[in-house]
Amino acid sequence: MAYKTKNRSLLVSLFENSAGRALSPTMIQEKLTQTGASIGIATIYRQLDSLVRDGVLQKDPGLGGPHCALYSLNSHEVSNEDCFFLKCTSCGRFEKVGCEHLQEFRSHLLAHHSFLLQPGQTYLYGLCRFCAERGK
């Protein structure tokens, strides 16, 4: 378990108040700067690595390309190997889901289309319930 430093606490608090949004290190630095906090990007990366190792955050290496990972609070209900990711195209909300219907869809794709969908690397884009209710 890592030490609970001021920087670590700032990052955890930022994620807890980000309404499920996935954030890049640059976005994190911008948001912290807006609150008056001054944390260097190297420190942010170190803290993110530590929070991922400790299971507090999950790292998504795919959405923004290989050098643009996104981070979000870890949902411990579903392992990354059995999950799919939902990404809101309006607000950026990011959610990990492990729905049996998605597993059925994966089986259907393999049986009827000879295509093996890879959970943990599959992203579905659309509107989250909040944006859908607001008509965005």
Protein backbone atom coordinates (compact mmCIF):
# COMPACT_ATOMS: atom_id res chain seq x y z
CA MET A 1 0.00 0.00 0.00
CA ALA A 2 1.38 3.40 -0.95
CA TYR A 3 1.72 6.37 1.36
CA LYS A 4 -1.27 8.70 1.42
CA THR A 5 0.43 11.86 0.24
CA LYS A 6 -1.21 15.20 -0.50
CA ASN A 7 -0.80 14.63 -4.25
CA ARG A 8 -2.30 11.15 -4.06
CA SER A 9 -5.26 12.48 -2.09
CA LEU A 10 -5.78 15.28 -4.62
CA LEU A 11 -5.88 12.80 -7.49
CA VAL A 12 -8.27 10.41 -5.73
CA SER A 13 -10.56 13.31 -4.83
CA LEU A 14 -10.50 14.56 -8.41
CA PHE A 15 -11.63 11.16 -9.70
CA GLU A 16 -14.30 10.83 -7.01
CA ASN A 17 -15.73 14.17 -8.14
CA SER A 18 -15.46 13.51 -11.89
CA ALA A 19 -18.81 11.72 -12.22
CA GLY A 20 -17.37 8.56 -13.77
CA ARG A 21 -15.38 10.35 -16.45
CA ALA A 22 -12.10 8.90 -17.65
CA LEU A 23 -9.28 11.43 -17.56
CA SER A 24 -5.91 11.68 -19.28
CA PRO A 25 -2.84 12.90 -17.36
CA THR A 26 -3.05 16.22 -19.23
CA MET A 27 -6.72 16.62 -18.34
CA ILE A 28 -5.87 15.85 -14.72
CA GLN A 29 -3.16 18.50 -14.67
CA GLU A 30 -5.53 21.08 -16.20
CA LYS A 31 -8.30 20.32 -13.68
CA LEU A 32 -5.89 20.46 -10.74
CA THR A 33 -4.44 23.75 -12.00
CA GLN A 34 -7.97 25.19 -12.16
CA THR A 35 -8.36 24.39 -8.46
CA GLY A 36 -5.08 26.11 -7.62
CA ALA A 37 -3.08 22.92 -7.11
CA SER A 38 0.37 22.78 -8.66
CA ILE A 39 1.49 19.26 -9.55
CA GLY A 40 3.99 18.44 -12.26
CA ILE A 41 3.09 16.00 -15.01
CA ALA A 42 5.82 13.55 -13.93
CA THR A 43 4.34 13.44 -10.42
CA ILE A 44 0.89 12.86 -11.90
CA TYR A 45 2.18 9.90 -13.91
CA ARG A 46 3.91 8.41 -10.85
CA GLN A 47 0.77 8.79 -8.75
CA LEU A 48 -1.41 7.31 -11.50
CA ASP A 49 0.89 4.28 -11.79
CA SER A 50 0.73 3.82 -8.02
CA LEU A 51 -3.08 4.16 -7.93
CA VAL A 52 -3.44 1.61 -10.74
CA ARG A 53 -1.07 -0.81 -8.93
CA ASP A 54 -3.10 -0.39 -5.74
CA GLY A 55 -6.34 -1.08 -7.58
CA VAL A 56 -7.85 2.37 -6.94
CA LEU A 57 -7.82 3.36 -10.62
CA GLN A 58 -8.08 1.46 -13.86
CA LYS A 59 -5.97 2.38 -16.86
CA ASP A 60 -7.40 2.29 -20.34
CA PRO A 61 -4.58 2.34 -22.87
CA GLY A 62 -6.78 2.26 -25.96
CA LEU A 63 -9.20 5.15 -26.30
CA GLY A 64 -6.75 7.91 -27.12
CA GLY A 65 -4.02 5.92 -28.81
CA PRO A 66 -0.96 4.22 -27.35
CA HIS A 67 0.42 7.41 -25.74
CA CYS A 68 -2.87 8.77 -24.46
CA ALA A 69 -4.11 6.48 -21.72
CA LEU A 70 -7.23 7.36 -19.80
CA TYR A 71 -7.77 6.63 -16.13
CA SER A 72 -10.93 6.18 -14.09
CA LEU A 73 -11.97 4.87 -10.70
CA ASN A 74 -11.76 1.10 -10.64
CA SER A 75 -15.03 -0.77 -10.59
CA HIS A 76 -14.07 -3.94 -8.73
CA GLU A 77 -17.27 -5.70 -9.71
CA VAL A 78 -15.92 -6.83 -13.09
CA SER A 79 -12.41 -7.93 -14.07
CA ASN A 80 -10.84 -6.30 -17.13
CA GLU A 81 -10.69 -9.70 -18.84
CA ASP A 82 -14.48 -10.12 -18.72
CA CYS A 83 -15.60 -6.57 -19.38
CA PHE A 84 -16.57 -4.17 -22.10
CA PHE A 85 -16.27 -0.41 -21.87
CA LEU A 86 -19.02 2.13 -22.44
CA LYS A 87 -17.90 5.63 -23.46
CA CYS A 88 -20.28 8.59 -23.59
CA THR A 89 -19.54 10.67 -26.66
CA SER A 90 -21.12 13.74 -25.07
CA CYS A 91 -19.70 14.06 -21.55
CA GLY A 92 -16.84 11.54 -21.63
CA ARG A 93 -18.28 9.28 -18.92
CA PHE A 94 -16.50 5.93 -18.99
CA GLU A 95 -17.88 2.74 -17.50
CA LYS A 96 -16.71 -0.85 -17.29
CA VAL A 97 -19.51 -3.41 -17.62
CA GLY A 98 -19.70 -7.17 -17.45
CA CYS A 99 -23.13 -7.92 -18.84
CA GLU A 100 -24.07 -11.48 -19.78
CA HIS A 101 -25.85 -10.15 -22.88
CA LEU A 102 -22.56 -8.74 -24.14
CA GLN A 103 -21.02 -12.18 -23.63
CA GLU A 104 -23.89 -13.64 -25.67
CA PHE A 105 -23.15 -11.08 -28.39
CA ARG A 106 -19.48 -12.11 -28.29
CA SER A 107 -20.49 -15.78 -28.74
CA HIS A 108 -22.82 -14.84 -31.60
CA LEU A 109 -20.06 -12.95 -33.41
CA LEU A 110 -17.75 -15.94 -33.13
CA ALA A 111 -20.32 -18.56 -34.15
CA HIS A 112 -22.01 -16.66 -36.98
CA HIS A 113 -19.38 -14.21 -38.20
CA SER A 114 -16.08 -15.94 -37.33
CA PHE A 115 -15.01 -12.89 -35.35
CA LEU A 116 -13.59 -13.14 -31.84
CA LEU A 117 -14.40 -9.99 -29.88
CA GLN A 118 -11.82 -9.24 -27.20
CA PRO A 119 -13.31 -8.22 -23.87
CA GLY A 120 -11.20 -5.74 -21.99
CA GLN A 121 -10.38 -4.06 -25.30
CA THR A 122 -13.88 -3.47 -26.67
CA TYR A 123 -15.48 -0.04 -26.47
CA LEU A 124 -19.07 0.81 -27.17
CA TYR A 125 -19.78 4.46 -27.88
CA GLY A 126 -23.06 6.25 -27.28
CA LEU A 127 -24.80 8.46 -24.74
CA CYS A 128 -24.83 7.76 -21.02
CA ARG A 129 -28.20 7.88 -19.30
CA PHE A 130 -27.61 11.43 -18.03
CA CYS A 131 -26.84 12.84 -21.48
CA ALA A 132 -29.62 10.81 -23.07
CA GLU A 133 -32.12 12.23 -20.55
CA ARG A 134 -30.92 15.76 -21.30
CA GLY A 135 -31.24 15.10 -25.02
CA LYS A 136 -27.57 15.77 -25.84
